[in-house]
Amino acid sequence: MLSVEITFLMQGREVSVDSFVESILREVRALVREEISRTFLKNEQQSCDSPREVNSKIPRQAVSVRETARLLSISPRTLDKYVALKVIRTVRVGRRVLVSMKSVNEVATRGIPWRRNQKLTSEQGGGGSSA
């Protein structure tokens, strides 16, 4: 039988596994925040130098379905399901289907309101009733 004993030392004193992991997570979070802020500042400086500066001052009113899915970190197919359930509102402009930024911001801040009857309605949609 093999027996292994591992001790974690931080600044010369023994600590539990939980406090060791928490310490590592704190340091990683701080480094990630620092990297994000550096990248954000670098991108901001580059955008000020570019001719797109005029367009960036005008807020976007609507985005495509693909862009909406990217912004919400969901698949386009999942977004299509939410549109079909009328949880996310869309607008047609010619042949394009756009999602208003207001709707994207609502979903991003409040999340998707999930109701059990929505799921059941979508599953029963084409079947008809047997009563």
N, C-alpha and C. Protein backbone atom coordinates (compact mmCIF):
# COMPACT_ATOMS: atom_id res chain seq x y z
N MET A 1 0.85 -1.17 0.00
CA MET A 1 0.00 0.00 0.00
C MET A 1 0.89 1.23 0.00
N LEU A 2 0.48 2.22 -0.80
CA LEU A 2 1.24 3.44 -0.93
C LEU A 2 0.58 4.53 -0.09
N SER A 3 1.38 5.22 0.67
CA SER A 3 0.86 6.30 1.49
C SER A 3 1.60 7.58 1.13
N VAL A 4 0.83 8.65 0.86
CA VAL A 4 1.42 9.92 0.48
C VAL A 4 0.90 11.00 1.41
N GLU A 5 1.80 11.84 1.88
CA GLU A 5 1.39 12.95 2.73
C GLU A 5 1.89 14.24 2.08
N ILE A 6 0.96 15.17 1.86
CA ILE A 6 1.30 16.43 1.24
C ILE A 6 0.98 17.55 2.22
N THR A 7 1.95 18.44 2.42
CA THR A 7 1.70 19.60 3.26
C THR A 7 1.90 20.85 2.42
N PHE A 8 1.08 21.84 2.68
CA PHE A 8 1.15 23.09 1.95
C PHE A 8 1.71 24.16 2.88
N LEU A 9 2.76 24.82 2.41
CA LEU A 9 3.40 25.86 3.18
C LEU A 9 3.23 27.19 2.47
N MET A 10 2.79 28.17 3.23
CA MET A 10 2.69 29.54 2.72
C MET A 10 3.42 30.44 3.69
N GLN A 11 4.42 31.13 3.19
CA GLN A 11 5.23 32.03 4.00
C GLN A 11 5.78 31.34 5.24
N GLY A 12 6.21 30.11 5.05
CA GLY A 12 6.87 29.38 6.12
C GLY A 12 5.97 28.69 7.12
N ARG A 13 4.64 28.76 6.94
CA ARG A 13 3.77 28.07 7.88
C ARG A 13 2.82 27.14 7.13
N GLU A 14 2.46 26.07 7.80
CA GLU A 14 1.60 25.06 7.20
C GLU A 14 0.15 25.56 7.14
N VAL A 15 -0.51 25.34 5.98
CA VAL A 15 -1.89 25.78 5.80
C VAL A 15 -2.71 24.62 5.23
N SER A 16 -4.03 24.77 5.32
CA SER A 16 -4.92 23.74 4.79
C SER A 16 -4.98 23.83 3.27
N VAL A 17 -5.48 22.79 2.66
CA VAL A 17 -5.63 22.76 1.21
C VAL A 17 -6.56 23.88 0.76
N ASP A 18 -7.67 24.08 1.47
CA ASP A 18 -8.64 25.11 1.10
C ASP A 18 -8.03 26.51 1.09
N SER A 19 -7.28 26.84 2.14
CA SER A 19 -6.69 28.18 2.18
C SER A 19 -5.59 28.32 1.13
N PHE A 20 -4.89 27.24 0.82
CA PHE A 20 -3.87 27.27 -0.22
C PHE A 20 -4.53 27.55 -1.58
N VAL A 21 -5.62 26.85 -1.88
CA VAL A 21 -6.34 27.04 -3.14
C VAL A 21 -6.93 28.45 -3.22
N GLU A 22 -7.52 28.92 -2.13
CA GLU A 22 -8.08 30.27 -2.11
C GLU A 22 -7.01 31.32 -2.40
N SER A 23 -5.83 31.12 -1.83
CA SER A 23 -4.73 32.05 -2.05
C SER A 23 -4.31 32.06 -3.52
N ILE A 24 -4.22 30.90 -4.11
CA ILE A 24 -3.86 30.81 -5.53
C ILE A 24 -4.93 31.49 -6.38
N LEU A 25 -6.20 31.23 -6.08
CA LEU A 25 -7.29 31.84 -6.84
C LEU A 25 -7.26 33.36 -6.74
N ARG A 26 -6.99 33.89 -5.54
CA ARG A 26 -6.91 35.34 -5.37
C ARG A 26 -5.82 35.93 -6.27
N GLU A 27 -4.66 35.27 -6.29
CA GLU A 27 -3.56 35.77 -7.11
C GLU A 27 -3.88 35.69 -8.59
N VAL A 28 -4.50 34.58 -9.03
CA VAL A 28 -4.85 34.43 -10.44
C VAL A 28 -5.88 35.48 -10.84
N ARG A 29 -6.90 35.70 -9.99
CA ARG A 29 -7.91 36.71 -10.29
C ARG A 29 -7.27 38.09 -10.44
N ALA A 30 -6.36 38.43 -9.53
CA ALA A 30 -5.70 39.73 -9.59
C ALA A 30 -4.90 39.88 -10.87
N LEU A 31 -4.19 38.82 -11.27
CA LEU A 31 -3.41 38.87 -12.50
C LEU A 31 -4.31 38.98 -13.73
N VAL A 32 -5.43 38.27 -13.73
CA VAL A 32 -6.36 38.32 -14.86
C VAL A 32 -6.96 39.71 -14.96
N ARG A 33 -7.39 40.29 -13.84
CA ARG A 33 -7.94 41.65 -13.85
C ARG A 33 -6.92 42.64 -14.40
N GLU A 34 -5.67 42.49 -13.96
CA GLU A 34 -4.60 43.38 -14.42
C GLU A 34 -4.40 43.23 -15.92
N GLU A 35 -4.39 42.01 -16.41
CA GLU A 35 -4.20 41.77 -17.84
C GLU A 35 -5.37 42.32 -18.66
N ILE A 36 -6.59 42.13 -18.16
CA ILE A 36 -7.77 42.65 -18.86
C ILE A 36 -7.72 44.17 -18.92
N SER A 37 -7.39 44.81 -17.83
CA SER A 37 -7.34 46.27 -17.84
C SER A 37 -6.24 46.78 -18.77
N ARG A 38 -5.11 46.10 -18.80
CA ARG A 38 -4.04 46.48 -19.72
C ARG A 38 -4.49 46.33 -21.17
N THR A 39 -5.14 45.21 -21.49
CA THR A 39 -5.62 44.96 -22.84
C THR A 39 -6.69 45.97 -23.21
N PHE A 40 -7.59 46.26 -22.27
CA PHE A 40 -8.66 47.23 -22.52
C PHE A 40 -8.08 48.60 -22.83
N LEU A 41 -7.11 49.03 -22.04
CA LEU A 41 -6.48 50.33 -22.27
C LEU A 41 -5.76 50.37 -23.61
N LYS A 42 -5.09 49.27 -23.96
CA LYS A 42 -4.37 49.21 -25.23
C LYS A 42 -5.35 49.29 -26.40
N ASN A 43 -6.46 48.56 -26.32
CA ASN A 43 -7.47 48.59 -27.37
C ASN A 43 -8.12 49.97 -27.47
N GLU A 44 -8.34 50.60 -26.32
CA GLU A 44 -8.95 51.93 -26.29
C GLU A 44 -8.04 52.94 -26.97
N GLN A 45 -6.75 52.84 -26.73
CA GLN A 45 -5.81 53.76 -27.35
C GLN A 45 -5.75 53.53 -28.86
N GLN A 46 -5.81 52.28 -29.30
CA GLN A 46 -5.78 51.98 -30.73
C GLN A 46 -7.04 52.49 -31.41
N SER A 47 -8.19 52.36 -30.74
CA SER A 47 -9.44 52.79 -31.36
C SER A 47 -9.49 54.31 -31.48
N CYS A 48 -8.84 55.03 -30.59
CA CYS A 48 -8.81 56.49 -30.67
C CYS A 48 -7.99 56.94 -31.87
N ASP A 49 -7.01 56.15 -32.27
CA ASP A 49 -6.17 56.50 -33.41
C ASP A 49 -6.83 56.14 -34.74
N SER A 50 -7.83 55.29 -34.72
CA SER A 50 -8.43 54.81 -35.96
C SER A 50 -9.54 55.74 -36.43
N PRO A 51 -9.87 55.71 -37.73
CA PRO A 51 -10.95 56.56 -38.26
C PRO A 51 -12.33 56.09 -37.82
N ARG A 52 -12.45 54.93 -37.20
CA ARG A 52 -13.74 54.43 -36.75
C ARG A 52 -14.22 55.15 -35.49
N GLU A 53 -13.45 56.08 -34.99
CA GLU A 53 -13.80 56.79 -33.76
C GLU A 53 -15.16 57.46 -33.87
N VAL A 54 -15.46 58.03 -35.03
CA VAL A 54 -16.74 58.72 -35.22
C VAL A 54 -17.89 57.74 -35.07
N ASN A 55 -17.76 56.54 -35.67
CA ASN A 55 -18.82 55.54 -35.59
C ASN A 55 -18.97 54.95 -34.20
N SER A 56 -17.88 54.89 -33.43
CA SER A 56 -17.97 54.29 -32.10
C SER A 56 -18.75 55.16 -31.12
N LYS A 57 -18.92 56.45 -31.44
CA LYS A 57 -19.68 57.32 -30.56
C LYS A 57 -21.18 57.12 -30.71
N ILE A 58 -21.59 56.55 -31.85
CA ILE A 58 -23.01 56.29 -32.08
C ILE A 58 -23.30 54.88 -31.57
N PRO A 59 -24.16 54.74 -30.56
CA PRO A 59 -24.44 53.41 -30.03
C PRO A 59 -25.20 52.56 -31.04
N ARG A 60 -24.91 51.27 -31.07
CA ARG A 60 -25.60 50.36 -31.97
C ARG A 60 -27.01 50.12 -31.45
N GLN A 61 -27.96 50.15 -32.33
CA GLN A 61 -29.36 49.95 -31.95
C GLN A 61 -29.77 48.48 -32.01
N ALA A 62 -29.18 47.73 -32.94
CA ALA A 62 -29.53 46.32 -33.10
C ALA A 62 -28.32 45.57 -33.65
N VAL A 63 -28.30 44.26 -33.40
CA VAL A 63 -27.22 43.41 -33.90
C VAL A 63 -27.81 42.16 -34.53
N SER A 64 -27.02 41.47 -35.31
CA SER A 64 -27.48 40.25 -35.97
C SER A 64 -27.68 39.13 -34.94
N VAL A 65 -28.34 38.08 -35.38
CA VAL A 65 -28.57 36.93 -34.50
C VAL A 65 -27.24 36.31 -34.10
N ARG A 66 -26.32 36.18 -35.04
CA ARG A 66 -25.02 35.59 -34.74
C ARG A 66 -24.25 36.44 -33.72
N GLU A 67 -24.27 37.76 -33.90
CA GLU A 67 -23.59 38.66 -32.97
C GLU A 67 -24.26 38.62 -31.59
N THR A 68 -25.58 38.53 -31.57
CA THR A 68 -26.30 38.43 -30.29
C THR A 68 -25.89 37.17 -29.55
N ALA A 69 -25.82 36.06 -30.28
CA ALA A 69 -25.40 34.80 -29.65
C ALA A 69 -24.00 34.93 -29.09
N ARG A 70 -23.11 35.59 -29.83
CA ARG A 70 -21.75 35.78 -29.34
C ARG A 70 -21.72 36.66 -28.11
N LEU A 71 -22.50 37.75 -28.12
CA LEU A 71 -22.53 38.65 -26.98
C LEU A 71 -23.07 37.98 -25.72
N LEU A 72 -24.04 37.08 -25.89
CA LEU A 72 -24.65 36.40 -24.74
C LEU A 72 -23.96 35.08 -24.40
N SER A 73 -22.95 34.72 -25.19
CA SER A 73 -22.21 33.47 -24.98
C SER A 73 -23.13 32.25 -25.04
N ILE A 74 -24.02 32.24 -26.01
CA ILE A 74 -24.87 31.08 -26.26
C ILE A 74 -24.78 30.75 -27.74
N SER A 75 -25.22 29.57 -28.12
CA SER A 75 -25.16 29.19 -29.53
C SER A 75 -26.28 29.87 -30.30
N PRO A 76 -26.10 30.07 -31.60
CA PRO A 76 -27.18 30.64 -32.41
C PRO A 76 -28.45 29.80 -32.37
N ARG A 77 -28.30 28.51 -32.27
CA ARG A 77 -29.47 27.63 -32.19
C ARG A 77 -30.26 27.87 -30.89
N THR A 78 -29.54 28.02 -29.79
CA THR A 78 -30.21 28.33 -28.52
C THR A 78 -30.91 29.67 -28.61
N LEU A 79 -30.27 30.63 -29.24
CA LEU A 79 -30.89 31.94 -29.42
C LEU A 79 -32.17 31.80 -30.26
N ASP A 80 -32.12 30.99 -31.31
CA ASP A 80 -33.32 30.76 -32.14
C ASP A 80 -34.46 30.19 -31.30
N LYS A 81 -34.15 29.30 -30.36
CA LYS A 81 -35.19 28.73 -29.50
C LYS A 81 -35.81 29.81 -28.62
N TYR A 82 -34.97 30.69 -28.06
CA TYR A 82 -35.49 31.77 -27.22
C TYR A 82 -36.32 32.76 -28.04
N VAL A 83 -35.93 32.98 -29.29
CA VAL A 83 -36.71 33.85 -30.16
C VAL A 83 -38.07 33.20 -30.44
N ALA A 84 -38.07 31.88 -30.70
CA ALA A 84 -39.32 31.17 -30.96
C ALA A 84 -40.24 31.20 -29.74
N LEU A 85 -39.66 31.15 -28.55
CA LEU A 85 -40.45 31.21 -27.31
C LEU A 85 -40.84 32.65 -26.96
N LYS A 86 -40.38 33.59 -27.76
CA LYS A 86 -40.65 35.02 -27.58
C LYS A 86 -40.07 35.57 -26.27
N VAL A 87 -38.97 34.97 -25.86
CA VAL A 87 -38.24 35.47 -24.69
C VAL A 87 -37.33 36.61 -25.13
N ILE A 88 -36.79 36.50 -26.34
CA ILE A 88 -35.95 37.55 -26.92
C ILE A 88 -36.68 38.08 -28.14
N ARG A 89 -36.83 39.40 -28.19
CA ARG A 89 -37.56 40.04 -29.30
C ARG A 89 -36.61 40.32 -30.46
N THR A 90 -37.14 40.15 -31.68
CA THR A 90 -36.37 40.43 -32.88
C THR A 90 -37.11 41.42 -33.76
N VAL A 91 -36.37 41.98 -34.72
CA VAL A 91 -36.94 42.92 -35.69
C VAL A 91 -36.44 42.49 -37.06
N ARG A 92 -37.32 42.54 -38.05
CA ARG A 92 -36.92 42.22 -39.42
C ARG A 92 -36.64 43.51 -40.17
N VAL A 93 -35.50 43.55 -40.82
CA VAL A 93 -35.15 44.66 -41.69
C VAL A 93 -34.77 44.01 -43.02
N GLY A 94 -35.71 44.06 -43.97
CA GLY A 94 -35.51 43.34 -45.22
C GLY A 94 -35.49 41.85 -44.93
N ARG A 95 -34.42 41.19 -45.36
CA ARG A 95 -34.30 39.77 -45.07
C ARG A 95 -33.52 39.50 -43.79
N ARG A 96 -32.96 40.53 -43.21
CA ARG A 96 -32.16 40.35 -41.99
C ARG A 96 -33.04 40.29 -40.76
N VAL A 97 -32.65 39.45 -39.83
CA VAL A 97 -33.30 39.39 -38.52
C VAL A 97 -32.33 39.99 -37.53
N LEU A 98 -32.77 41.05 -36.85
CA LEU A 98 -31.91 41.75 -35.90
C LEU A 98 -32.51 41.69 -34.51
N VAL A 99 -31.66 41.75 -33.52
CA VAL A 99 -32.07 41.78 -32.12
C VAL A 99 -31.69 43.14 -31.58
N SER A 100 -32.66 43.82 -30.96
CA SER A 100 -32.37 45.15 -30.43
C SER A 100 -31.38 45.05 -29.28
N MET A 101 -30.53 46.05 -29.16
CA MET A 101 -29.56 46.07 -28.07
C MET A 101 -30.26 46.16 -26.73
N LYS A 102 -31.44 46.76 -26.70
CA LYS A 102 -32.22 46.82 -25.47
C LYS A 102 -32.55 45.41 -25.00
N SER A 103 -32.98 44.56 -25.93
CA SER A 103 -33.30 43.18 -25.58
C SER A 103 -32.05 42.42 -25.14
N VAL A 104 -30.92 42.65 -25.83
CA VAL A 104 -29.67 41.99 -25.47
C VAL A 104 -29.25 42.41 -24.06
N ASN A 105 -29.34 43.70 -23.76
CA ASN A 105 -28.96 44.20 -22.44
C ASN A 105 -29.88 43.65 -21.35
N GLU A 106 -31.19 43.54 -21.63
CA GLU A 106 -32.12 42.97 -20.65
C GLU A 106 -31.75 41.54 -20.32
N VAL A 107 -31.47 40.74 -21.35
CA VAL A 107 -31.11 39.35 -21.13
C VAL A 107 -29.78 39.26 -20.39
N ALA A 108 -28.85 40.12 -20.74
CA ALA A 108 -27.54 40.09 -20.09
C ALA A 108 -27.63 40.46 -18.61
N THR A 109 -28.52 41.39 -18.27
CA THR A 109 -28.62 41.81 -16.87
C THR A 109 -29.58 40.95 -16.06
N ARG A 110 -30.71 40.60 -16.65
CA ARG A 110 -31.72 39.84 -15.90
C ARG A 110 -31.66 38.35 -16.12
N GLY A 111 -31.08 37.92 -17.23
CA GLY A 111 -31.05 36.50 -17.57
C GLY A 111 -32.31 36.12 -18.33
N ILE A 112 -32.40 34.85 -18.68
CA ILE A 112 -33.55 34.35 -19.40
C ILE A 112 -34.60 33.90 -18.39
N PRO A 113 -35.80 34.48 -18.44
CA PRO A 113 -36.85 34.02 -17.53
C PRO A 113 -37.33 32.64 -17.97
N TRP A 114 -37.03 31.63 -17.20
CA TRP A 114 -37.39 30.28 -17.56
C TRP A 114 -38.66 29.90 -16.84
N ARG A 115 -39.64 29.48 -17.61
CA ARG A 115 -40.89 28.99 -17.03
C ARG A 115 -41.14 27.60 -17.55
N ARG A 116 -41.65 26.77 -16.70
CA ARG A 116 -41.85 25.37 -17.07
C ARG A 116 -42.82 25.24 -18.24
N ASN A 117 -43.87 26.06 -18.27
CA ASN A 117 -44.85 25.94 -19.34
C ASN A 117 -44.26 26.33 -20.69
N GLN A 118 -43.20 27.16 -20.74
CA GLN A 118 -42.56 27.49 -22.00
C GLN A 118 -41.93 26.24 -22.60
N LYS A 119 -41.25 25.47 -21.77
CA LYS A 119 -40.60 24.26 -22.26
C LYS A 119 -41.65 23.27 -22.73
N LEU A 120 -42.70 23.10 -21.95
CA LEU A 120 -43.75 22.16 -22.32
C LEU A 120 -44.45 22.62 -23.59
N THR A 121 -44.70 23.91 -23.73
CA THR A 121 -45.37 24.43 -24.92
C THR A 121 -44.52 24.15 -26.17
N SER A 122 -43.23 24.36 -26.06
CA SER A 122 -42.38 24.15 -27.24
C SER A 122 -42.31 22.67 -27.59
N GLU A 123 -42.34 21.80 -26.59
CA GLU A 123 -42.28 20.37 -26.88
C GLU A 123 -43.60 19.86 -27.43
N GLN A 124 -44.74 20.45 -27.01
CA GLN A 124 -46.04 19.98 -27.44
C GLN A 124 -46.53 20.69 -28.68
N GLY A 125 -45.76 21.68 -29.15
CA GLY A 125 -46.19 22.54 -30.24
C GLY A 125 -46.77 21.83 -31.45
N GLY A 126 -46.14 20.79 -31.96
CA GLY A 126 -46.60 20.17 -33.19
C GLY A 126 -47.40 18.91 -32.97
N GLY A 127 -47.56 18.46 -31.76
CA GLY A 127 -48.14 17.15 -31.51
C GLY A 127 -49.64 17.09 -31.47
N GLY A 128 -50.32 18.14 -31.06
CA GLY A 128 -51.76 18.09 -30.88
C GLY A 128 -52.12 17.41 -29.57
N SER A 129 -53.38 17.38 -29.22
CA SER A 129 -53.76 16.79 -27.94
C SER A 129 -54.46 15.47 -28.18
N SER A 130 -54.38 14.60 -27.19
CA SER A 130 -54.96 13.27 -27.31
C SER A 130 -56.26 13.16 -26.52
N ALA A 131 -56.75 14.26 -25.96
CA ALA A 131 -57.95 14.22 -25.14
C ALA A 131 -59.20 14.14 -25.94
